[in-house]
């Protein structure tokens, strides 16, 4: 149902304990009063760990809350202790026992106990928010004493510990959240009313805490005075909403911001000539893809698998990769570099004649008209509209006339999650670093379901 290539290079900022995979650059001078100002395009749906599923939200939550386990600062190939000082798994991998630190306090000074973990995990699962799929294999969470938590699974899950590193499994202050409308019962999706409060105050134990948030303007976090770990360097971090890359560059050069997270590849050479600025590069597992809805009422001819294959052959992958410097076309849905992924040698190659032949076989020898939807957003320095324009040009060569339909990121995502996008372009960043996460695109999983690619429509061999 999708066509993809993945970016293998982007520019990043290491901020406190998290790595933001993005195209960024920093001013070389230090800020007075230890204040860091970051310019980025805001996309924030919630500041509630149980509900958030957006870049700005996740970035904020990862430094205002803590999880039981995490990745070390310099690697993602192992999981290390965080709020849990140790753990063990049963021989069958169905039960995990976590032993908690006894020196952790939330930002309001309340000690963290196993009751907070149980409340947080049950609330997250029962709210049934956008990230709730993380808890699909969690059967029960219980506290056997103030520093011990037992989690039982309903199915073996090799990626379970990796999932626990995600923001969605953040531990919240039960006392604070319940006092402000929070609930963790089975009907929490109807009874929990804490989201509005959590947009004004954080209830975590991370190195920072939320000071204020002004929608589409700025978000400010400050040091948590009760943080149990090493205090972060900056007293305050300000995220300024600057949607356009050009405006970010101007603000950076003027000294109004210290870091820009939306700089595009064509700006890098000019920036590198400024001795006061630095550009940071690192790898990325981001993929850019096209999706075609199997509902003919939404995507017309593109609902036909033969037409979809024609589109695959119509694309100029080399040309697309030039728009994402350092990117490569993977040979499967897994990005290059991830375990079990095929390399570029297995990737599909452009074949215009074959694309036209497939269209003729499908009953469209003269092509057809369609609409390509996409969000007006820049991710890791790549402008989605630029890619959409290239796709439009490639498809025109085989007779497919695609009208471009841009929309703001929030509107676009809501429509996609509702399964109402027909033919669209988007990007995907892994929720957790395991190949299992990419099964999202298969029939019956969230990604497949949102384009009406259902289990009943898939070949049995694909599901076995």
Foldseek 3Di string as FASTA:
>chain_A
DKFKWFFFKFFWDQADQDIDQFWKKFFQDADPQQEAEEEEADDWDFLDLLATDDSVNQVVLLFQFAFQWADGSPDFPDIAGDQFNDWDADPVQFKIKTFGDQQFAWLVGHTAWLVLLQQLLLLSCQLPHPVNVLCVQWDHWDDPDRGMIMTGGPDHDPCNSLSRNGSSSTGFDPVVQVVQFADRDNNRNPRRDRGVVSQCWGGHQGQWIWHHDDPLAKTKIAGRPSHPDDHGRGGMYMYGNDFDQVVQVVCNVVVVHGMYRAAAPVCVVVQVVDPRMDTGMGTAFKMKMKDAFLPCVAAPLSVDVLLVVLLNQLAQQVVLCVLNDNIAGWLDLGHPPAPPTHHNVNHDHHDLVSSLVSCVVSPRNQAEEGEEEEEQHGGSNHGPVVSVVRSQVSVVSSRYHYHYHYDHPVVVVVCLQVLRHGIYMDMDGFSGRHPVSSCCCPAPHSNCVSSPRHPVNDDPVVVD
